[in-house]
Protein backbone atom coordinates (compact mmCIF):
# COMPACT_ATOMS: atom_id res chain seq x y z
CA MET A 1 -87.65 146.73 -3.97
CA ARG A 2 -86.54 146.67 -0.15
CA LEU A 3 -83.03 145.43 1.02
CA VAL A 4 -84.63 142.65 2.57
CA SER A 5 -86.34 141.50 -0.88
CA PHE A 6 -82.57 140.43 -1.91
CA LEU A 7 -82.67 137.81 0.94
CA ASP A 8 -86.11 136.74 0.45
CA LYS A 9 -85.42 136.01 -3.21
CA GLY A 10 -82.16 134.03 -2.21
CA ALA A 11 -84.27 132.02 0.08
CA SER A 12 -86.98 131.34 -2.15
CA LEU A 13 -84.29 129.68 -4.18
CA ASP A 14 -82.84 127.32 -1.50
CA PRO A 15 -83.64 128.04 2.23
CA ALA A 16 -80.97 125.87 3.27
CA ALA A 17 -78.08 127.02 1.43
CA PRO A 18 -75.39 128.91 2.98
CA CYS A 19 -76.01 132.64 3.13
CA LEU A 20 -73.43 134.29 5.43
CA VAL A 21 -70.12 132.44 6.39
CA THR A 22 -67.29 133.43 8.77
CA ASP A 23 -64.61 130.90 9.81
CA ASP A 24 -66.53 129.66 12.98
CA THR A 25 -70.17 130.27 11.78
CA THR A 26 -72.39 129.55 8.86
CA LEU A 27 -75.91 131.00 8.69
CA SER A 28 -78.38 129.59 6.13
CA TYR A 29 -80.89 131.59 4.12
CA ALA A 30 -83.48 130.29 6.46
CA VAL A 31 -81.82 131.09 9.72
CA VAL A 32 -80.86 134.74 8.40
CA GLN A 33 -84.59 135.13 7.24
CA GLU A 34 -85.71 134.06 10.70
CA LEU A 35 -83.26 136.09 12.33
CA SER A 36 -84.60 139.38 10.12
CA TYR A 37 -88.08 138.46 11.25
CA ALA A 38 -87.10 138.57 15.05
CA VAL A 39 -85.01 141.69 14.83
CA ALA A 40 -88.18 143.45 12.76
CA SER A 41 -90.52 142.38 15.69
CA ALA A 42 -88.34 143.62 18.45
CA LEU A 43 -87.80 146.91 16.70
CA GLY A 44 -91.58 147.10 16.30
CA ALA A 45 -91.76 146.34 20.05
CA SER A 46 -89.27 149.16 21.04
CA GLY A 47 -91.52 151.53 19.31
CA VAL A 48 -89.95 151.95 15.77
CA GLN A 49 -92.19 152.83 12.90
CA PRO A 50 -91.75 152.88 9.34
CA GLY A 51 -89.25 155.41 8.37
CA THR A 52 -87.42 155.53 11.67
CA SER A 53 -83.79 155.52 11.40
CA VAL A 54 -81.68 152.61 13.08
CA ALA A 55 -77.91 152.66 13.15
CA ILE A 56 -75.53 149.79 13.17
CA LEU A 57 -72.08 150.26 14.75
CA SER A 58 -70.13 147.41 13.93
CA ALA A 59 -67.07 145.84 12.31
CA ASN A 60 -67.82 142.80 9.83
CA ASP A 61 -70.12 140.43 11.48
CA PRO A 62 -72.76 138.12 10.14
CA ILE A 63 -75.16 138.93 12.97
CA ALA A 64 -74.91 142.43 12.40
CA PHE A 65 -75.35 142.28 8.80
CA SER A 66 -78.51 139.90 9.22
CA ALA A 67 -79.89 142.80 11.35
CA VAL A 68 -79.74 144.95 8.31
CA PHE A 69 -82.67 142.75 6.92
CA GLY A 70 -84.43 143.11 10.23
CA ILE A 71 -84.50 146.99 9.63
CA SER A 72 -85.65 146.74 6.45
CA ARG A 73 -88.26 144.37 6.85
CA SER A 74 -89.68 146.60 9.74
CA GLY A 75 -89.90 149.30 7.38
CA ALA A 76 -87.06 151.42 9.17
CA VAL A 77 -84.02 153.02 7.59
CA TRP A 78 -80.62 151.45 7.94
CA CYS A 79 -78.30 153.86 8.85
CA PRO A 80 -74.63 151.95 8.66
CA ILE A 81 -72.06 153.74 11.05
CA ASN A 82 -68.18 153.20 10.39
CA PRO A 83 -66.60 152.25 13.58
CA ARG A 84 -63.48 153.69 12.30
CA ASN A 85 -64.52 156.96 12.49
CA GLU A 86 -63.85 159.32 15.72
CA ALA A 87 -66.53 159.33 18.26
CA THR A 88 -67.46 162.68 17.92
CA GLU A 89 -67.79 162.26 14.15
CA ASN A 90 -70.40 159.31 14.58
CA ALA A 91 -72.10 161.43 17.58
CA GLU A 92 -72.62 163.77 14.68
CA LEU A 93 -73.65 161.38 12.05
CA LEU A 94 -76.23 159.69 14.63
CA GLY A 95 -77.71 163.18 15.38
CA LEU A 96 -77.95 164.21 11.71
CA PHE A 97 -79.53 161.06 10.70
CA ASP A 98 -82.04 161.40 13.62
CA CYS A 99 -81.37 157.83 14.81
CA ALA A 100 -83.93 156.49 17.33
CA VAL A 101 -81.97 152.92 17.85
CA VAL A 102 -78.35 152.05 17.91
CA ILE A 103 -76.99 148.23 17.52
CA HIS A 104 -73.42 147.96 18.31
CA GLN A 105 -70.68 145.68 19.25
CA GLN A 106 -69.40 145.39 22.69
CA SER A 107 -65.82 146.40 21.52
CA PHE A 108 -67.37 149.80 20.68
CA SER A 109 -68.80 150.24 24.33
CA PRO A 110 -66.37 152.98 25.23
CA MET A 111 -67.48 154.95 21.95
CA VAL A 112 -70.91 154.42 22.91
CA ALA A 113 -70.32 155.41 26.49
CA ALA A 114 -68.66 158.64 25.13
CA ILE A 115 -71.62 159.82 22.89
CA ARG A 116 -74.66 158.57 24.56
CA ASP A 117 -75.25 161.76 26.59
CA SER A 118 -74.90 163.98 23.29
CA LEU A 119 -78.04 161.92 21.68
CA PRO A 120 -80.78 162.22 23.57
CA ASP A 121 -83.01 160.97 20.74
CA VAL A 122 -81.59 157.73 20.82
CA HIS A 123 -84.04 155.67 22.72
CA THR A 124 -82.78 152.14 22.32
CA TRP A 125 -79.30 151.00 22.50
CA VAL A 126 -78.46 147.52 21.80
CA CYS A 127 -75.08 145.28 22.58
CA LEU A 128 -74.99 142.42 19.60
CA ASP A 129 -72.41 140.29 21.43
CA GLY A 130 -72.35 140.83 24.92
CA GLU A 131 -73.14 143.26 27.85
CA ALA A 132 -72.48 147.05 27.97
CA PRO A 133 -73.54 149.86 30.51
CA GLY A 134 -77.00 151.13 29.35
CA SER A 135 -77.55 148.83 26.62
CA SER A 136 -79.85 145.95 26.08
CA THR A 137 -78.27 142.63 25.34
CA TRP A 138 -79.23 141.00 22.08
CA ASP A 139 -81.25 138.33 23.39
CA GLU A 140 -83.14 140.93 25.76
CA PHE A 141 -83.62 142.72 22.71
CA LEU A 142 -84.91 140.04 20.54
CA ALA A 143 -87.26 138.82 23.36
CA ARG A 144 -89.33 141.92 23.27
CA GLY A 145 -90.49 141.29 19.78
CA ALA A 146 -91.20 137.49 20.91
CA VAL A 147 -93.84 138.48 23.10
CA ASP A 148 -95.49 141.62 21.46
CA ASP A 149 -98.21 140.85 18.82
CA GLU A 150 -98.38 144.44 17.84
CA GLY A 151 -95.01 144.62 16.83
CA ALA A 152 -95.08 141.62 15.08
CA ALA A 153 -97.99 142.61 12.80
CA ARG A 154 -95.93 145.52 11.81
CA ILE A 155 -93.35 143.40 10.18
CA ASP A 156 -93.17 143.55 6.29
CA ARG A 157 -94.81 146.90 6.07
CA ASP A 158 -93.61 149.13 3.09
CA ALA A 159 -90.84 151.59 3.96
CA VAL A 160 -91.95 155.17 4.10
CA ASP A 161 -91.09 157.00 0.85
CA ASP A 162 -89.19 154.01 -0.06
CA VAL A 163 -85.74 155.26 1.73
CA ALA A 164 -83.65 152.24 2.28
CA MET A 165 -80.61 153.85 3.91
CA ILE A 166 -78.86 157.12 5.02
CA VAL A 167 -75.15 156.93 4.45
CA GLY A 168 -72.59 159.57 5.75
CA THR A 169 -70.25 161.12 3.17
CA GLY A 170 -67.39 161.34 5.78
CA GLY A 171 -65.94 164.83 7.10
CA THR A 172 -62.53 164.73 5.25
CA THR A 173 -63.83 168.00 3.23
CA GLY A 174 -66.12 169.60 5.74
CA ARG A 175 -69.02 168.67 7.71
CA PRO A 176 -70.51 165.12 6.97
CA LYS A 177 -73.73 165.14 4.79
CA GLY A 178 -76.17 162.21 4.98
CA VAL A 179 -77.08 160.67 1.62
CA VAL A 180 -80.56 159.33 1.24
CA LEU A 181 -80.66 156.22 -0.87
CA THR A 182 -84.12 154.58 -1.90
CA GLY A 183 -85.04 151.16 -2.40
CA ALA A 184 -85.15 152.10 -6.15
CA ASN A 185 -81.38 153.38 -6.24
CA LEU A 186 -80.12 150.05 -4.73
CA GLU A 187 -82.29 147.91 -7.15
CA ALA A 188 -81.01 150.01 -10.11
CA MET A 189 -77.49 149.47 -8.59
CA THR A 190 -78.24 145.86 -8.26
CA ALA A 191 -79.63 145.51 -11.66
CA ILE A 192 -76.58 147.24 -13.29
CA THR A 193 -74.34 144.77 -11.58
CA LEU A 194 -76.02 141.83 -12.84
CA MET A 195 -76.35 143.28 -16.38
CA GLY A 196 -72.55 144.22 -16.60
CA TYR A 197 -70.66 141.66 -14.97
CA PRO A 198 -70.06 137.94 -15.09
CA PHE A 199 -72.25 135.50 -12.86
CA GLU A 200 -71.95 131.82 -13.68
CA GLY A 201 -73.55 129.42 -11.30
CA VAL A 202 -74.05 130.17 -7.69
CA PRO A 203 -71.75 132.82 -6.67
CA THR A 204 -69.31 133.28 -3.64
CA TYR A 205 -68.57 136.67 -2.51
CA LEU A 206 -65.50 137.62 -0.31
CA ALA A 207 -66.10 140.70 2.07
CA LEU A 208 -62.62 141.94 3.51
CA ALA A 209 -63.55 145.77 2.93
CA PRO A 210 -65.90 147.01 5.38
CA LEU A 211 -69.68 146.10 4.89
CA THR A 212 -70.46 149.74 5.94
CA HIS A 213 -69.57 150.98 2.47
CA ALA A 214 -68.96 149.32 -0.67
CA ALA A 215 -68.45 145.94 0.35
CA GLY A 216 -71.67 145.77 1.62
CA VAL A 217 -74.20 146.69 -1.03
CA LEU A 218 -72.17 144.51 -3.46
CA CYS A 219 -73.80 141.63 -1.41
CA PHE A 220 -77.24 142.25 -2.93
CA PRO A 221 -76.41 141.05 -6.20
CA ILE A 222 -75.02 138.00 -4.69
CA LEU A 223 -78.08 137.44 -2.68
CA CYS A 224 -80.34 137.60 -5.96
CA HIS A 225 -78.61 134.19 -7.13
CA GLY A 226 -78.72 132.61 -3.92
CA GLY A 227 -74.84 132.91 -3.43
CA SER A 228 -72.95 132.89 -0.08
CA ILE A 229 -71.27 135.81 1.36
CA VAL A 230 -67.78 134.92 3.11
CA ILE A 231 -67.48 137.59 5.80
CA MET A 232 -63.82 138.57 7.31
CA ARG A 233 -64.07 140.22 10.69
CA THR A 234 -60.80 141.57 10.61
CA PRO A 235 -58.60 142.89 7.58
CA ASP A 236 -55.89 140.65 6.74
CA VAL A 237 -54.35 140.27 3.48
CA GLY A 238 -52.74 136.85 3.75
CA GLY A 239 -56.23 135.63 4.89
CA PHE A 240 -58.00 137.16 2.00
CA ILE A 241 -55.80 135.33 -0.49
CA ALA A 242 -56.33 131.93 1.60
CA ASN A 243 -60.18 132.59 1.65
CA ILE A 244 -60.45 132.52 -2.25
CA GLU A 245 -58.87 129.31 -2.30
CA LYS A 246 -60.62 127.92 0.55
CA HIS A 247 -64.02 128.96 -0.27
CA ARG A 248 -63.59 128.94 -4.05
CA VAL A 249 -64.61 132.47 -4.23
CA THR A 250 -66.13 133.66 -7.40
CA HIS A 251 -66.44 137.58 -6.80
CA THR A 252 -64.63 140.12 -4.50
CA PHE A 253 -63.91 143.82 -3.98
CA LEU A 254 -60.95 145.76 -2.87
CA PRO A 255 -59.90 149.26 -3.15
CA PRO A 256 -56.56 149.87 -4.97
CA THR A 257 -54.29 150.26 -2.01
CA LEU A 258 -55.26 146.80 -0.68
CA ILE A 259 -54.99 145.30 -4.22
CA TYR A 260 -51.29 146.67 -4.07
CA MET A 261 -50.84 145.00 -1.00
CA VAL A 262 -52.31 141.80 -2.25
CA LEU A 263 -49.78 142.23 -5.31
CA GLY A 264 -46.93 142.57 -2.73
CA HIS A 265 -47.84 139.53 -0.57
CA GLU A 266 -45.74 136.42 -0.79
CA ALA A 267 -48.78 133.95 -0.85
CA LEU A 268 -50.28 135.24 -4.16
CA ASP A 269 -48.30 133.76 -6.65
CA ALA A 270 -48.75 129.99 -4.95
CA ALA A 271 -52.67 130.50 -4.21
CA ASP A 272 -55.25 128.88 -6.47
CA LEU A 273 -57.39 131.82 -7.72
CA SER A 274 -59.00 129.88 -10.52
CA SER A 275 -62.42 130.29 -9.20
CA LEU A 276 -62.61 133.85 -9.48
CA GLN A 277 -64.67 135.31 -12.11
CA CYS A 278 -65.00 139.17 -11.08
CA PHE A 279 -62.48 141.03 -8.80
CA TRP A 280 -63.92 144.48 -8.48
CA TYR A 281 -61.83 147.55 -8.01
CA GLY A 282 -62.65 151.12 -7.53
CA ALA A 283 -63.15 153.94 -4.83
CA ALA A 284 -60.14 155.56 -5.91
CA PRO A 285 -57.82 155.56 -9.22
CA MET A 286 -55.76 152.56 -9.72
CA SER A 287 -52.13 152.72 -11.19
CA VAL A 288 -52.25 151.49 -14.94
CA ASP A 289 -49.03 149.45 -14.13
CA ARG A 290 -50.39 147.90 -11.11
CA LEU A 291 -53.55 146.76 -12.86
CA ARG A 292 -51.37 145.35 -15.60
CA GLU A 293 -49.60 143.48 -13.06
CA ALA A 294 -53.07 142.39 -11.31
CA LEU A 295 -54.34 140.92 -14.58
CA GLU A 296 -51.33 138.82 -15.21
CA ARG A 297 -50.81 137.46 -11.45
CA ILE A 298 -54.26 137.26 -10.30
CA GLY A 299 -55.85 136.70 -13.67
CA PRO A 300 -58.05 138.00 -16.41
CA VAL A 301 -60.90 138.99 -13.81
CA MET A 302 -60.31 142.47 -12.95
CA ALA A 303 -63.52 144.47 -12.95
CA GLN A 304 -63.50 148.16 -12.39
CA LEU A 305 -66.68 150.11 -11.10
CA PHE A 306 -66.86 154.03 -10.62
CA GLY A 307 -69.51 155.63 -8.39
CA GLN A 308 -70.04 157.67 -5.49
CA THR A 309 -72.12 157.20 -2.28
CA GLU A 310 -74.47 159.56 -3.98
CA ALA A 311 -74.88 157.25 -7.15
CA PRO A 312 -73.70 153.92 -5.49
CA MET A 313 -70.91 151.83 -7.25
CA MET A 314 -72.07 151.90 -10.77
CA ILE A 315 -71.91 155.17 -12.77
CA SER A 316 -69.56 153.31 -15.19
CA LEU A 317 -68.23 149.87 -15.71
CA LEU A 318 -65.24 148.06 -17.10
CA PRO A 319 -65.94 144.40 -16.78
CA PRO A 320 -63.10 141.71 -17.04
CA SER A 321 -63.56 141.14 -20.83
CA GLU A 322 -62.96 144.64 -21.76
CA HIS A 323 -59.54 144.75 -20.62
CA PHE A 324 -58.52 142.92 -23.31
CA THR A 325 -58.86 143.38 -27.26
CA PRO A 326 -60.80 140.70 -29.17
CA ASN A 327 -57.69 138.68 -29.81
CA GLY A 328 -56.91 138.31 -26.42
CA GLN A 329 -54.24 141.28 -25.90
CA VAL A 330 -54.41 143.58 -23.00
CA ALA A 331 -56.39 146.73 -24.12
CA GLU A 332 -53.76 149.25 -22.87
CA GLY A 333 -55.74 152.17 -24.05
CA ARG A 334 -58.79 151.46 -21.80
CA LEU A 335 -56.90 150.51 -18.68
CA ALA A 336 -56.75 154.29 -17.65
CA SER A 337 -60.56 154.55 -18.29
CA ALA A 338 -63.35 153.95 -15.62
CA GLY A 339 -65.14 151.94 -18.70
CA ARG A 340 -68.46 152.91 -20.31
CA PRO A 341 -71.55 154.43 -18.64
CA ALA A 342 -73.49 151.70 -17.08
CA PRO A 343 -76.84 150.77 -18.28
CA LEU A 344 -79.86 152.65 -16.65
CA VAL A 345 -77.34 155.46 -16.39
CA THR A 346 -77.18 158.52 -18.52
CA VAL A 347 -73.46 160.10 -18.21
CA ALA A 348 -72.46 163.53 -19.59
CA ILE A 349 -69.41 166.11 -19.37
CA MET A 350 -70.52 169.70 -18.24
CA ASP A 351 -68.84 172.94 -18.13
CA GLU A 352 -69.48 175.50 -15.57
CA SER A 353 -72.01 177.42 -17.36
CA GLY A 354 -74.24 174.07 -17.58
CA ARG A 355 -73.26 173.48 -21.30
CA LEU A 356 -72.91 169.73 -22.02
CA LEU A 357 -69.54 169.23 -24.13
CA PRO A 358 -68.70 166.96 -27.09
CA SER A 359 -66.31 163.70 -26.80
CA GLY A 360 -62.76 164.61 -26.10
CA GLU A 361 -63.49 167.89 -24.00
CA ARG A 362 -62.71 167.96 -20.51
CA GLY A 363 -65.59 169.16 -17.69
CA GLU A 364 -67.35 167.95 -14.70
CA ILE A 365 -68.82 164.31 -14.95
CA VAL A 366 -72.65 164.54 -14.56
CA VAL A 367 -75.02 161.81 -14.21
CA ARG A 368 -78.80 160.99 -14.39
CA GLY A 369 -80.92 158.04 -13.76
CA SER A 370 -82.65 156.11 -11.19
CA LEU A 371 -79.09 155.38 -9.69
CA VAL A 372 -78.80 158.75 -8.30
CA MET A 373 -79.74 159.40 -4.44
CA ARG A 374 -82.98 161.26 -3.62
CA GLY A 375 -80.91 164.03 -1.99
CA TYR A 376 -79.10 164.91 1.23
CA HIS A 377 -80.74 164.50 4.36
CA ARG A 378 -82.27 167.74 6.07
CA ASN A 379 -79.93 169.55 3.64
CA PRO A 380 -81.95 171.34 0.77
CA GLU A 381 -79.03 173.68 -0.21
CA ALA A 382 -76.50 170.92 -0.90
CA THR A 383 -79.10 168.94 -2.54
CA ALA A 384 -79.96 171.82 -4.79
CA GLU A 385 -76.11 172.36 -5.42
CA ALA A 386 -75.56 168.89 -6.32
CA SER A 387 -78.44 168.81 -8.84
CA ARG A 388 -78.24 171.95 -10.39
CA HIS A 389 -79.04 172.04 -14.25
CA GLY A 390 -80.87 168.91 -13.84
CA TRP A 391 -78.11 166.65 -13.45
CA HIS A 392 -76.19 165.19 -10.59
CA HIS A 393 -72.68 166.56 -10.19
CA THR A 394 -70.24 164.10 -9.11
CA GLY A 395 -67.22 166.65 -8.57
CA ASP A 396 -64.95 164.80 -11.11
CA ILE A 397 -63.18 166.28 -13.92
CA GLY A 398 -63.02 163.77 -17.06
CA TYR A 399 -64.03 163.27 -20.58
CA LEU A 400 -65.63 160.61 -22.77
CA ASP A 401 -63.65 159.62 -25.83
CA ALA A 402 -64.77 158.66 -29.10
CA ASP A 403 -65.95 154.92 -28.26
CA ASN A 404 -67.82 156.45 -25.08
CA TYR A 405 -65.07 155.28 -22.58
CA LEU A 406 -65.10 157.64 -19.60
CA PHE A 407 -61.91 158.89 -18.42
CA ILE A 408 -61.53 160.80 -15.04
CA VAL A 409 -58.61 162.99 -14.91
CA ASP A 410 -59.10 164.38 -11.23
CA ARG A 411 -61.22 165.63 -8.54
CA ALA A 412 -61.84 169.13 -9.42
CA LYS A 413 -60.71 170.30 -6.17
CA ASP A 414 -57.26 168.69 -6.60
CA MET A 415 -56.56 169.96 -10.13
CA ILE A 416 -53.13 172.11 -9.90
CA ILE A 417 -52.72 175.42 -11.73
CA THR A 418 -49.23 176.23 -12.17
CA GLY A 419 -47.66 178.76 -14.66
CA GLY A 420 -51.19 179.23 -16.03
CA PHE A 421 -51.47 175.36 -17.13
CA ASN A 422 -53.74 172.89 -15.78
CA VAL A 423 -52.03 170.06 -14.19
CA TYR A 424 -54.33 166.98 -13.19
CA SER A 425 -52.85 165.00 -10.09
CA THR A 426 -54.13 161.90 -11.10
CA GLU A 427 -52.19 161.90 -14.55
CA VAL A 428 -48.94 162.73 -12.45
CA GLU A 429 -49.71 159.92 -10.12
CA GLN A 430 -50.16 157.39 -12.92
CA ALA A 431 -46.49 158.09 -13.97
CA LEU A 432 -45.27 158.04 -10.55
CA MET A 433 -46.79 154.63 -9.98
CA ALA A 434 -44.96 153.44 -13.19
CA HIS A 435 -41.83 153.74 -11.15
CA PRO A 436 -40.79 150.22 -10.16
CA GLY A 437 -39.67 151.32 -6.40
CA ILE A 438 -43.02 153.19 -5.54
CA ARG A 439 -45.63 151.47 -3.75
CA ASP A 440 -48.25 154.16 -3.59
CA CYS A 441 -48.23 158.05 -4.01
CA ALA A 442 -50.09 161.50 -3.83
CA VAL A 443 -49.70 164.66 -5.64
CA VAL A 444 -50.57 167.92 -4.32
CA GLY A 445 -50.38 171.55 -5.22
CA LEU A 446 -48.86 173.95 -2.88
CA ALA A 447 -48.86 177.94 -2.95
CA ASP A 448 -45.67 179.37 -4.99
CA GLU A 449 -44.66 182.79 -5.43
CA LYS A 450 -43.48 182.17 -9.14
CA TRP A 451 -45.98 179.45 -10.35
CA GLY A 452 -48.88 180.20 -8.38
CA GLU A 453 -48.87 176.59 -7.25
CA ARG A 454 -46.27 174.04 -7.40
CA VAL A 455 -46.57 170.27 -7.87
CA VAL A 456 -45.84 168.27 -4.85
CA ALA A 457 -45.43 164.40 -4.57
CA VAL A 458 -45.47 162.31 -1.52
CA VAL A 459 -44.29 158.60 -2.27
CA GLN A 460 -44.41 155.37 -0.25
CA ALA A 461 -41.49 153.08 -1.44
CA GLN A 462 -41.78 149.60 -2.09
CA PRO A 463 -40.66 147.41 1.12
CA GLY A 464 -37.07 147.15 1.18
CA THR A 465 -36.47 149.70 -1.88
CA ASP A 466 -34.50 153.20 -1.59
CA VAL A 467 -36.00 155.57 -3.47
CA VAL A 468 -34.18 158.87 -4.47
CA PRO A 469 -36.22 161.91 -4.88
CA ALA A 470 -34.01 163.40 -7.81
CA ASP A 471 -34.20 160.15 -9.70
CA VAL A 472 -38.01 160.35 -9.25
CA ILE A 473 -38.15 163.69 -10.65
CA ALA A 474 -36.13 162.63 -13.77
CA PHE A 475 -38.49 159.67 -13.98
CA VAL A 476 -41.57 161.74 -14.27
CA LYS A 477 -40.10 164.43 -16.28
CA GLU A 478 -39.05 162.11 -19.33
CA ARG A 479 -42.59 160.71 -19.27
CA LEU A 480 -44.53 163.93 -18.64
CA GLY A 481 -42.57 167.16 -19.38
CA SER A 482 -41.32 169.76 -17.05
CA VAL A 483 -44.55 171.48 -16.32
CA LYS A 484 -46.56 168.16 -14.91
CA THR A 485 -43.17 167.17 -13.15
CA PRO A 486 -43.21 167.52 -9.35
CA LYS A 487 -40.95 170.31 -8.25
CA ASP A 488 -40.34 168.33 -4.74
CA VAL A 489 -40.67 164.63 -4.05
CA TRP A 490 -40.96 163.34 -0.38
CA VAL A 491 -40.57 159.85 0.68
CA TRP A 492 -42.82 158.84 3.77
CA ASP A 493 -43.02 155.44 5.26
CA ASP A 494 -46.96 155.55 4.80
CA LEU A 495 -49.59 157.97 3.41
CA PRO A 496 -52.48 159.36 5.66
CA ARG A 497 -55.76 157.67 4.81
CA SER A 498 -59.25 157.89 5.68
CA LYS A 499 -61.20 155.07 7.70
CA VAL A 500 -62.03 153.27 4.28
CA GLY A 501 -58.13 153.55 2.97
CA LYS A 502 -58.38 156.76 0.69
CA VAL A 503 -55.35 158.86 0.77
CA LEU A 504 -55.96 162.06 2.36
CA LYS A 505 -54.59 164.82 0.55
CA SER A 506 -55.71 167.74 2.70
CA GLU A 507 -53.71 165.98 5.41
CA ILE A 508 -50.62 165.68 3.31
CA LYS A 509 -50.77 169.41 2.39
CA ALA A 510 -51.42 170.10 6.08
CA GLN A 511 -48.28 168.35 6.74
CA LEU A 512 -46.22 169.59 4.02
CA LEU A 513 -47.05 173.20 5.25
CA ALA A 514 -46.02 172.53 8.77
């Protein structure tokens, strides 16, 4: 199943229904479908063949997202490029992905100008919403297809090798890699989503997070139901809350950092959020205390997902109902879990020798199934390393309990060994987040002559709150004991974050060492 098949399914239900919505624009399924044909024809007229990589460099935008379906319809491969990356990183990704066409917004023209000369294999540059030096305008691009019968004949060809998209892993832990995802991978992800979470009636999905990442692929199950996708062009927490009420939103997704901002916003408690069925959270561990607060103040609609680019979104699920016991009480023991392994996915825990471990024992989380990527683009060594012993290796340490709930205790690279004891940073972070004065935090290990490594915490205070490091140390020690308690606590105004909001522990370490 190709990406455009999700659009066509929604259009078959009601072509006049709203598909993509912003404050100033509503595009029906018929309009988005027509635009996808026009984009596919223009790509064909530009020399794009099935299997050619086509990049989109854009913030959240309905026309840019419509172009995704045109890329798919032509049999080409969608390469989402995060505009928040530095120019050099995006140049590296475009070269790595073998992109021949780049479709970009006018606001990113300076970035395009900076990287154009380093990308001789890109033969077509297109500006979505204006004019840019060296780029065709959007109307000029679409006009190519309107007069090219051969290009029109190429529309709706099957994609070569079923490759739907290539996605960058990001360069925070080394050189980025290109994750090759097939139509089968995204079909599995969509099927799992539809099986695992509530969908009552025609859904409305609110996309604040970048459509280049999790927020984008979560649109596909919405399209299967003929639902509408409300796109926020710029991130705005107050606008996010208002849009839920205005558009009667049923489904949305945010990473924990932004959920903390929602919980701290003055408009939350007065807003009508009764339309919500499913508020997905994921991409990073969430504080149990903040999750408990969200269940009370946002509603019994919180829904965890755990996945990664290589196995998109749905390795394990914790739907809204499983946050509660049968008698309606919060299921405290599950809130720290990542839910149960998803349908269509096999999850196990493996030690370093490749032996699968019984329930309760900690090791690396490994995965099998049609959700797992084909491999890394032009990187057979990395592909082999990630798939050794016949399983995909996530790089996360965790365990499965007796009820088959998955608990993620740390990234393998973030585990701290202090005085011969293993300390998992996420466990310490959960204890820190229980402190009422702490809004966000990160725990890292630094070299120590006595202990090998010492546990160090960097915290961000709640607005208007003074946090005293000695008090924080005492707070954690009471809960976890002395071994896991940070030896040092630093209070920073904010934490360094990646382009998608993840806390960058490598940068925190570098700043502390400096």
